[in-house]
Amino acid sequence: MSTHSGDAGPDVSTLSYEQARDELANVVRQLESSTVALEESMRLWERGEALGAHCEAILAGALARLDATLVEGSAGPHHEGSGTEATSAGDSSAATRS
């Protein structure tokens, strides 16, 4: 007795990261329970693969946006004493104190 049509869930591409992650965790729990028939296990496995790929794509997009923001921020004007320049300034001031 299968509820295949109800278990499929919404189209993976419409899910947020959190929704996909939570559904993926549920799929893993079901597969680990060992009480699922072979056909259902295969369907769950395929759904889990799609959910995992969707989560990876969302994370890759977020990382790309973060990298772009960091590059944008580093292209701006640099002020002495901020960011990595502070370490350099600290090193040079230590040398002048000797």
N, C-alpha and C. Protein backbone atom coordinates (compact mmCIF):
# COMPACT_ATOMS: atom_id res chain seq x y z
N MET A 1 0.85 -1.18 0.00
CA MET A 1 0.00 0.00 0.00
C MET A 1 0.89 1.23 0.00
N SER A 2 0.83 2.00 -1.08
CA SER A 2 1.71 3.14 -1.22
C SER A 2 0.90 4.42 -1.38
N THR A 3 1.42 5.48 -0.80
CA THR A 3 0.81 6.80 -0.97
C THR A 3 1.74 7.63 -1.83
N HIS A 4 2.21 7.03 -2.91
CA HIS A 4 3.23 7.62 -3.78
C HIS A 4 2.88 9.04 -4.20
N SER A 5 1.66 9.28 -4.64
CA SER A 5 1.31 10.61 -5.14
C SER A 5 1.33 11.66 -4.03
N GLY A 6 0.97 11.29 -2.81
CA GLY A 6 0.97 12.25 -1.72
C GLY A 6 2.35 12.45 -1.12
N ASP A 7 3.24 11.47 -1.25
CA ASP A 7 4.55 11.54 -0.65
C ASP A 7 5.56 12.33 -1.47
N ALA A 8 5.28 12.53 -2.75
CA ALA A 8 6.25 13.16 -3.63
C ALA A 8 6.59 14.58 -3.18
N GLY A 9 5.66 15.26 -2.58
CA GLY A 9 5.92 16.62 -2.12
C GLY A 9 5.96 17.61 -3.26
N PRO A 10 6.13 18.86 -2.93
CA PRO A 10 6.16 19.91 -3.96
C PRO A 10 7.42 19.82 -4.82
N ASP A 11 7.36 20.48 -5.96
CA ASP A 11 8.52 20.54 -6.85
C ASP A 11 9.71 21.08 -6.06
N VAL A 12 10.82 20.37 -6.12
CA VAL A 12 12.01 20.72 -5.34
C VAL A 12 12.46 22.16 -5.62
N SER A 13 12.37 22.59 -6.86
CA SER A 13 12.86 23.92 -7.22
C SER A 13 12.06 25.06 -6.58
N THR A 14 10.88 24.75 -6.03
CA THR A 14 10.08 25.79 -5.39
C THR A 14 10.35 25.89 -3.89
N LEU A 15 11.17 24.99 -3.36
CA LEU A 15 11.42 24.97 -1.92
C LEU A 15 12.52 25.94 -1.51
N SER A 16 12.36 26.51 -0.33
CA SER A 16 13.44 27.31 0.24
C SER A 16 14.52 26.35 0.72
N TYR A 17 15.67 26.89 1.07
CA TYR A 17 16.75 26.05 1.59
C TYR A 17 16.28 25.30 2.83
N GLU A 18 15.64 26.00 3.74
CA GLU A 18 15.22 25.39 5.00
C GLU A 18 14.19 24.29 4.76
N GLN A 19 13.25 24.52 3.85
CA GLN A 19 12.24 23.50 3.54
C GLN A 19 12.91 22.26 2.94
N ALA A 20 13.81 22.46 1.99
CA ALA A 20 14.50 21.35 1.33
C ALA A 20 15.36 20.58 2.34
N ARG A 21 16.07 21.30 3.21
CA ARG A 21 16.91 20.67 4.22
C ARG A 21 16.08 19.82 5.18
N ASP A 22 14.95 20.37 5.62
CA ASP A 22 14.09 19.64 6.55
C ASP A 22 13.50 18.40 5.89
N GLU A 23 13.06 18.52 4.64
CA GLU A 23 12.52 17.36 3.93
C GLU A 23 13.60 16.31 3.70
N LEU A 24 14.82 16.77 3.38
CA LEU A 24 15.93 15.85 3.19
C LEU A 24 16.21 15.07 4.48
N ALA A 25 16.19 15.74 5.61
CA ALA A 25 16.40 15.07 6.89
C ALA A 25 15.31 14.02 7.13
N ASN A 26 14.08 14.34 6.74
CA ASN A 26 12.98 13.40 6.88
C ASN A 26 13.17 12.19 5.97
N VAL A 27 13.63 12.43 4.75
CA VAL A 27 13.90 11.34 3.80
C VAL A 27 14.97 10.41 4.38
N VAL A 28 16.01 10.98 4.93
CA VAL A 28 17.10 10.17 5.51
C VAL A 28 16.56 9.33 6.66
N ARG A 29 15.74 9.93 7.53
CA ARG A 29 15.16 9.18 8.65
C ARG A 29 14.33 8.00 8.13
N GLN A 30 13.53 8.25 7.09
CA GLN A 30 12.71 7.18 6.53
C GLN A 30 13.57 6.06 5.96
N LEU A 31 14.62 6.43 5.23
CA LEU A 31 15.49 5.42 4.64
C LEU A 31 16.23 4.63 5.72
N GLU A 32 16.62 5.29 6.79
CA GLU A 32 17.34 4.62 7.87
C GLU A 32 16.44 3.73 8.72
N SER A 33 15.14 3.92 8.64
CA SER A 33 14.21 3.13 9.46
C SER A 33 14.13 1.68 9.00
N SER A 34 14.52 1.40 7.78
CA SER A 34 14.52 0.05 7.22
C SER A 34 13.14 -0.59 7.16
N THR A 35 12.11 0.20 7.27
CA THR A 35 10.75 -0.35 7.20
C THR A 35 10.08 0.02 5.88
N VAL A 36 10.85 0.60 4.96
CA VAL A 36 10.31 1.06 3.70
C VAL A 36 10.57 0.00 2.63
N ALA A 37 9.55 -0.27 1.80
CA ALA A 37 9.69 -1.23 0.71
C ALA A 37 10.72 -0.73 -0.30
N LEU A 38 11.23 -1.65 -1.10
CA LEU A 38 12.29 -1.32 -2.06
C LEU A 38 11.88 -0.20 -3.02
N GLU A 39 10.71 -0.30 -3.62
CA GLU A 39 10.27 0.74 -4.57
C GLU A 39 10.17 2.11 -3.89
N GLU A 40 9.64 2.13 -2.68
CA GLU A 40 9.54 3.38 -1.94
C GLU A 40 10.93 3.90 -1.56
N SER A 41 11.83 3.00 -1.22
CA SER A 41 13.21 3.39 -0.91
C SER A 41 13.86 4.06 -2.11
N MET A 42 13.64 3.50 -3.29
CA MET A 42 14.21 4.08 -4.51
C MET A 42 13.64 5.47 -4.77
N ARG A 43 12.33 5.61 -4.58
CA ARG A 43 11.69 6.91 -4.78
C ARG A 43 12.22 7.92 -3.77
N LEU A 44 12.37 7.50 -2.53
CA LEU A 44 12.92 8.38 -1.50
C LEU A 44 14.36 8.77 -1.81
N TRP A 45 15.14 7.81 -2.27
CA TRP A 45 16.54 8.07 -2.61
C TRP A 45 16.62 9.14 -3.71
N GLU A 46 15.80 8.98 -4.74
CA GLU A 46 15.80 9.95 -5.85
C GLU A 46 15.36 11.32 -5.36
N ARG A 47 14.35 11.36 -4.51
CA ARG A 47 13.90 12.64 -3.95
C ARG A 47 15.02 13.26 -3.11
N GLY A 48 15.69 12.44 -2.32
CA GLY A 48 16.79 12.93 -1.49
C GLY A 48 17.93 13.50 -2.33
N GLU A 49 18.24 12.83 -3.45
CA GLU A 49 19.28 13.32 -4.36
C GLU A 49 18.89 14.70 -4.90
N ALA A 50 17.64 14.85 -5.30
CA ALA A 50 17.17 16.13 -5.84
C ALA A 50 17.19 17.21 -4.76
N LEU A 51 16.76 16.86 -3.56
CA LEU A 51 16.77 17.82 -2.46
C LEU A 51 18.20 18.25 -2.11
N GLY A 52 19.12 17.30 -2.06
CA GLY A 52 20.51 17.61 -1.76
C GLY A 52 21.13 18.52 -2.81
N ALA A 53 20.85 18.23 -4.08
CA ALA A 53 21.38 19.08 -5.16
C ALA A 53 20.80 20.49 -5.07
N HIS A 54 19.52 20.58 -4.73
CA HIS A 54 18.88 21.89 -4.60
C HIS A 54 19.51 22.69 -3.46
N CYS A 55 19.75 22.03 -2.33
CA CYS A 55 20.40 22.70 -1.19
C CYS A 55 21.80 23.17 -1.57
N GLU A 56 22.55 22.32 -2.26
CA GLU A 56 23.90 22.71 -2.68
C GLU A 56 23.87 23.91 -3.62
N ALA A 57 22.90 23.94 -4.54
CA ALA A 57 22.79 25.06 -5.48
C ALA A 57 22.47 26.36 -4.74
N ILE A 58 21.58 26.27 -3.77
CA ILE A 58 21.24 27.47 -2.99
C ILE A 58 22.45 27.96 -2.21
N LEU A 59 23.17 27.04 -1.57
CA LEU A 59 24.36 27.43 -0.81
C LEU A 59 25.44 28.00 -1.72
N ALA A 60 25.61 27.43 -2.92
CA ALA A 60 26.60 27.95 -3.86
C ALA A 60 26.23 29.37 -4.28
N GLY A 61 24.95 29.62 -4.50
CA GLY A 61 24.50 30.96 -4.85
C GLY A 61 24.74 31.95 -3.72
N ALA A 62 24.47 31.52 -2.50
CA ALA A 62 24.69 32.39 -1.34
C ALA A 62 26.18 32.69 -1.19
N LEU A 63 27.02 31.69 -1.39
CA LEU A 63 28.46 31.89 -1.30
C LEU A 63 28.95 32.85 -2.39
N ALA A 64 28.42 32.73 -3.59
CA ALA A 64 28.80 33.63 -4.68
C ALA A 64 28.40 35.06 -4.35
N ARG A 65 27.20 35.25 -3.78
CA ARG A 65 26.77 36.61 -3.40
C ARG A 65 27.66 37.16 -2.29
N LEU A 66 28.02 36.31 -1.34
CA LEU A 66 28.90 36.75 -0.25
C LEU A 66 30.27 37.14 -0.80
N ASP A 67 30.81 36.31 -1.68
CA ASP A 67 32.11 36.61 -2.29
C ASP A 67 32.05 37.93 -3.06
N ALA A 68 30.97 38.15 -3.80
CA ALA A 68 30.82 39.39 -4.57
C ALA A 68 30.76 40.59 -3.63
N THR A 69 30.07 40.44 -2.52
CA THR A 69 29.97 41.52 -1.54
C THR A 69 31.34 41.82 -0.93
N LEU A 70 32.08 40.77 -0.62
CA LEU A 70 33.41 40.96 -0.04
C LEU A 70 34.35 41.62 -1.04
N VAL A 71 34.27 41.24 -2.31
CA VAL A 71 35.10 41.85 -3.35
C VAL A 71 34.72 43.31 -3.51
N GLU A 72 33.41 43.59 -3.52
CA GLU A 72 32.94 44.98 -3.62
C GLU A 72 33.48 45.80 -2.46
N GLY A 73 33.40 45.24 -1.26
CA GLY A 73 33.87 45.95 -0.07
C GLY A 73 35.36 46.19 -0.08
N SER A 74 36.13 45.24 -0.63
CA SER A 74 37.57 45.42 -0.66
C SER A 74 38.01 46.36 -1.76
N ALA A 75 37.14 46.65 -2.72
CA ALA A 75 37.48 47.57 -3.81
C ALA A 75 37.30 49.03 -3.39
N GLY A 76 36.65 49.24 -2.27
CA GLY A 76 36.42 50.60 -1.79
C GLY A 76 37.68 51.23 -1.25
N PRO A 77 37.58 52.47 -0.78
CA PRO A 77 38.77 53.16 -0.25
C PRO A 77 39.27 52.48 1.02
N HIS A 78 40.58 52.40 1.13
CA HIS A 78 41.21 51.79 2.30
C HIS A 78 41.66 52.90 3.24
N HIS A 79 41.41 52.69 4.49
CA HIS A 79 41.83 53.65 5.50
C HIS A 79 42.85 52.97 6.39
N GLU A 80 43.89 53.72 6.75
CA GLU A 80 44.91 53.13 7.63
C GLU A 80 44.27 52.74 8.94
N GLY A 81 44.71 51.62 9.45
CA GLY A 81 44.21 51.16 10.74
C GLY A 81 42.95 50.32 10.63
N SER A 82 42.47 50.01 9.42
CA SER A 82 41.28 49.18 9.31
C SER A 82 41.63 47.90 8.57
N GLY A 83 40.95 46.83 8.93
CA GLY A 83 41.14 45.55 8.24
C GLY A 83 42.54 45.02 8.39
N THR A 84 43.09 44.46 7.31
CA THR A 84 44.42 43.86 7.36
C THR A 84 45.51 44.92 7.46
N GLU A 85 45.20 46.15 7.06
CA GLU A 85 46.20 47.20 7.16
C GLU A 85 46.59 47.46 8.61
N ALA A 86 45.66 47.22 9.54
CA ALA A 86 45.95 47.45 10.95
C ALA A 86 47.07 46.53 11.41
N THR A 87 47.09 45.30 10.93
CA THR A 87 48.16 44.38 11.29
C THR A 87 49.48 44.87 10.75
N SER A 88 49.47 45.34 9.51
CA SER A 88 50.70 45.85 8.90
C SER A 88 51.18 47.08 9.64
N ALA A 89 50.25 47.96 9.98
CA ALA A 89 50.62 49.18 10.69
C ALA A 89 51.16 48.81 12.06
N GLY A 90 50.53 47.81 12.70
CA GLY A 90 51.03 47.37 14.00
C GLY A 90 52.42 46.81 13.91
N ASP A 91 52.71 46.07 12.85
CA ASP A 91 54.04 45.49 12.67
C ASP A 91 55.09 46.58 12.45
N SER A 92 54.75 47.60 11.65
CA SER A 92 55.72 48.64 11.37
C SER A 92 55.95 49.52 12.59
N SER A 93 54.90 49.75 13.39
CA SER A 93 55.09 50.58 14.58
C SER A 93 55.93 49.82 15.61
N ALA A 94 55.81 48.51 15.64
CA ALA A 94 56.64 47.72 16.56
C ALA A 94 58.10 47.82 16.15
N ALA A 95 58.35 47.88 14.85
CA ALA A 95 59.72 47.98 14.37
C ALA A 95 60.31 49.35 14.69
N THR A 96 59.49 50.40 14.69
CA THR A 96 59.99 51.75 14.97
C THR A 96 60.23 51.94 16.46
N ARG A 97 59.59 51.15 17.30
CA ARG A 97 59.80 51.27 18.75
C ARG A 97 61.12 50.65 19.17
N SER A 98 61.68 49.76 18.39
CA SER A 98 62.92 49.05 18.77
C SER A 98 64.11 49.96 18.76
